[in-house]
């Protein structure tokens, strides 16, 4: 499913104009993007949580040359889905 499909589906189910729905969806995604750029935790109840985890630096090896390299510390985005989404 792509953004266009989401807009069409919401438009069909709500009866709202596709232009309005597209604007709302794009603004939501922009807000989500900005929050993640600021390394904020984003919780969407009933859907899941986007959060950051610090990854420690580590040694690795370049497979082509065999040279040892160090991967620096970094922040990584994780997504934990809600229990409602994951049903057994």
C-alpha atoms as a PDB file:
ATOM      1  CA  UNK A   1       0.000   0.000   0.000  1.00  0.00           C
ATOM      2  CA  UNK A   2       1.335   3.424  -0.927  1.00  0.00           C
ATOM      3  CA  UNK A   3       0.350   6.928   0.174  1.00  0.00           C
ATOM      4  CA  UNK A   4      -2.022   7.307  -2.781  1.00  0.00           C
ATOM      5  CA  UNK A   5      -3.867   4.125  -1.737  1.00  0.00           C
ATOM      6  CA  UNK A   6      -4.156   5.396   1.828  1.00  0.00           C
ATOM      7  CA  UNK A   7      -5.616   8.702   0.639  1.00  0.00           C
ATOM      8  CA  UNK A   8      -8.139   6.953  -1.612  1.00  0.00           C
ATOM      9  CA  UNK A   9      -9.198   4.486   1.089  1.00  0.00           C
ATOM     10  CA  UNK A  10      -9.703   7.223   3.714  1.00  0.00           C
ATOM     11  CA  UNK A  11     -11.579   9.337   1.180  1.00  0.00           C
ATOM     12  CA  UNK A  12     -13.912   6.444   0.346  1.00  0.00           C
ATOM     13  CA  UNK A  13     -14.562   5.517   3.973  1.00  0.00           C
ATOM     14  CA  UNK A  14     -15.118   9.068   5.250  1.00  0.00           C
ATOM     15  CA  UNK A  15     -16.655  10.718   2.214  1.00  0.00           C
ATOM     16  CA  UNK A  16     -14.108  13.547   2.427  1.00  0.00           C
ATOM     17  CA  UNK A  17     -12.540  15.182  -0.617  1.00  0.00           C
ATOM     18  CA  UNK A  18      -9.292  13.472  -1.730  1.00  0.00           C
ATOM     19  CA  UNK A  19      -7.468  16.814  -1.775  1.00  0.00           C
ATOM     20  CA  UNK A  20      -8.289  17.446   1.885  1.00  0.00           C
ATOM     21  CA  UNK A  21      -7.366  13.889   2.890  1.00  0.00           C
ATOM     22  CA  UNK A  22      -4.080  14.115   0.963  1.00  0.00           C
ATOM     23  CA  UNK A  23      -3.201  17.357   2.763  1.00  0.00           C
ATOM     24  CA  UNK A  24      -3.954  15.821   6.171  1.00  0.00           C
ATOM     25  CA  UNK A  25      -1.953  12.660   5.425  1.00  0.00           C
ATOM     26  CA  UNK A  26       1.033  14.684   4.166  1.00  0.00           C
ATOM     27  CA  UNK A  27       0.943  16.975   7.213  1.00  0.00           C
ATOM     28  CA  UNK A  28       0.790  13.958   9.521  1.00  0.00           C
ATOM     29  CA  UNK A  29       3.814  12.411   7.814  1.00  0.00           C
ATOM     30  CA  UNK A  30       5.701  15.732   7.942  1.00  0.00           C
ATOM     31  CA  UNK A  31       5.014  16.040  11.665  1.00  0.00           C
ATOM     32  CA  UNK A  32       6.143  12.443  12.223  1.00  0.00           C
ATOM     33  CA  UNK A  33       9.312  13.086  10.191  1.00  0.00           C
ATOM     34  CA  UNK A  34      10.116  16.280  12.136  1.00  0.00           C
ATOM     35  CA  UNK A  35       9.571  14.546  15.467  1.00  0.00           C
ATOM     36  CA  UNK A  36      11.908  11.723  14.484  1.00  0.00           C
ATOM     37  CA  UNK A  37      14.508  14.204  13.211  1.00  0.00           C
ATOM     38  CA  UNK A  38      14.429  15.756  16.711  1.00  0.00           C
ATOM     39  CA  UNK A  39      14.855  12.268  18.191  1.00  0.00           C
ATOM     40  CA  UNK A  40      11.500  12.418  19.953  1.00  0.00           C
ATOM     41  CA  UNK A  41       9.604   9.282  20.958  1.00  0.00           C
ATOM     42  CA  UNK A  42       6.334   9.051  18.995  1.00  0.00           C
ATOM     43  CA  UNK A  43       3.527   6.944  20.467  1.00  0.00           C
ATOM     44  CA  UNK A  44       0.400   6.202  18.455  1.00  0.00           C
ATOM     45  CA  UNK A  45      -1.945   4.346  20.801  1.00  0.00           C
ATOM     46  CA  UNK A  46      -3.397   1.233  19.230  1.00  0.00           C
ATOM     47  CA  UNK A  47      -0.732   1.297  16.496  1.00  0.00           C
ATOM     48  CA  UNK A  48       2.754   1.378  17.986  1.00  0.00           C
ATOM     49  CA  UNK A  49       5.728   3.404  19.147  1.00  0.00           C
ATOM     50  CA  UNK A  50       8.675   4.853  17.241  1.00  0.00           C
ATOM     51  CA  UNK A  51      11.691   5.293  19.507  1.00  0.00           C
ATOM     52  CA  UNK A  52      15.449   5.733  19.350  1.00  0.00           C
ATOM     53  CA  UNK A  53      18.113   3.472  20.705  1.00  0.00           C
ATOM     54  CA  UNK A  54      21.797   4.316  20.947  1.00  0.00           C
ATOM     55  CA  UNK A  55      24.009   1.872  19.118  1.00  0.00           C
ATOM     56  CA  UNK A  56      27.518   1.537  20.545  1.00  0.00           C
ATOM     57  CA  UNK A  57      30.549   1.767  18.315  1.00  0.00           C
ATOM     58  CA  UNK A  58      31.865  -1.551  17.100  1.00  0.00           C
ATOM     59  CA  UNK A  59      34.616  -3.112  15.064  1.00  0.00           C
ATOM     60  CA  UNK A  60      33.785  -4.504  11.650  1.00  0.00           C
ATOM     61  CA  UNK A  61      35.677  -5.758   8.640  1.00  0.00           C
ATOM     62  CA  UNK A  62      35.571  -4.601   5.034  1.00  0.00           C
ATOM     63  CA  UNK A  63      34.768  -7.825   3.198  1.00  0.00           C
ATOM     64  CA  UNK A  64      36.539  -6.789  -0.015  1.00  0.00           C
ATOM     65  CA  UNK A  65      39.840  -5.650   1.492  1.00  0.00           C
ATOM     66  CA  UNK A  66      39.784  -7.417   4.859  1.00  0.00           C
ATOM     67  CA  UNK A  67      40.621  -4.089   6.508  1.00  0.00           C
ATOM     68  CA  UNK A  68      39.284  -3.605  10.030  1.00  0.00           C
ATOM     69  CA  UNK A  69      37.080  -0.531  10.437  1.00  0.00           C
ATOM     70  CA  UNK A  70      35.293   1.062  13.380  1.00  0.00           C
ATOM     71  CA  UNK A  71      31.622   1.873  13.063  1.00  0.00           C
ATOM     72  CA  UNK A  72      30.928   4.955  15.223  1.00  0.00           C
ATOM     73  CA  UNK A  73      28.149   5.344  17.796  1.00  0.00           C
ATOM     74  CA  UNK A  74      24.802   6.261  16.289  1.00  0.00           C
ATOM     75  CA  UNK A  75      21.124   6.520  17.039  1.00  0.00           C
ATOM     76  CA  UNK A  76      18.801   4.024  15.386  1.00  0.00           C
ATOM     77  CA  UNK A  77      15.019   4.252  14.948  1.00  0.00           C
ATOM     78  CA  UNK A  78      12.974   1.301  16.148  1.00  0.00           C
ATOM     79  CA  UNK A  79       9.263   0.588  15.823  1.00  0.00           C
ATOM     80  CA  UNK A  80       7.405  -1.481  18.380  1.00  0.00           C
ATOM     81  CA  UNK A  81       3.917  -2.426  17.162  1.00  0.00           C
ATOM     82  CA  UNK A  82       0.964  -2.360  19.515  1.00  0.00           C
ATOM     83  CA  UNK A  83      -0.295  -5.645  20.944  1.00  0.00           C
ATOM     84  CA  UNK A  84      -3.604  -4.907  19.199  1.00  0.00           C
ATOM     85  CA  UNK A  85      -1.905  -5.138  15.800  1.00  0.00           C
ATOM     86  CA  UNK A  86      -0.064  -8.372  16.573  1.00  0.00           C
ATOM     87  CA  UNK A  87      -2.711 -10.974  17.235  1.00  0.00           C
ATOM     88  CA  UNK A  88      -1.847 -14.612  17.735  1.00  0.00           C
END
